[in-house]
């Protein structure tokens, strides 16, 4: 059986929710930083990335609309690199990494990016998308 290996890592910056240094930074910008750094550290040409999978449990408001695809583009990936966002409500980032590994092990991909991101400061307060909330 073919194996998948993690060749690089990077994490999003953190700060205090609602009042920290990143309290007005969209999830796409946070994820783009981590994606770009992980790809650069791996020494991989961004054009070789076959998919970007990101877990995000709060896909609404400013982090809606396929955050993984938006982050991939913002990270400098070519427009040919697709993105998929996973919402699992618990461990969505871990599920994204597992999905990237599955794509390498079973779907024939060579390079995939998997991770997770949230921008709690922009989704759990007055910025939250509450249209038609029950």
Foldseek 3Di string as FASTA:
>chain_A
DDFDDQQFWFAFDDFDAQPTPCLPPAFLQRLLVGVLVRCVSSVHDLALAAEEEEEEQQQFQRNHDQSQLSSSVVNVRPNNYYYHYAHPVPCRQVVQVVVQRCCVVPVVRDHHHTGYTYNCSQDPPPNHPCVPPD
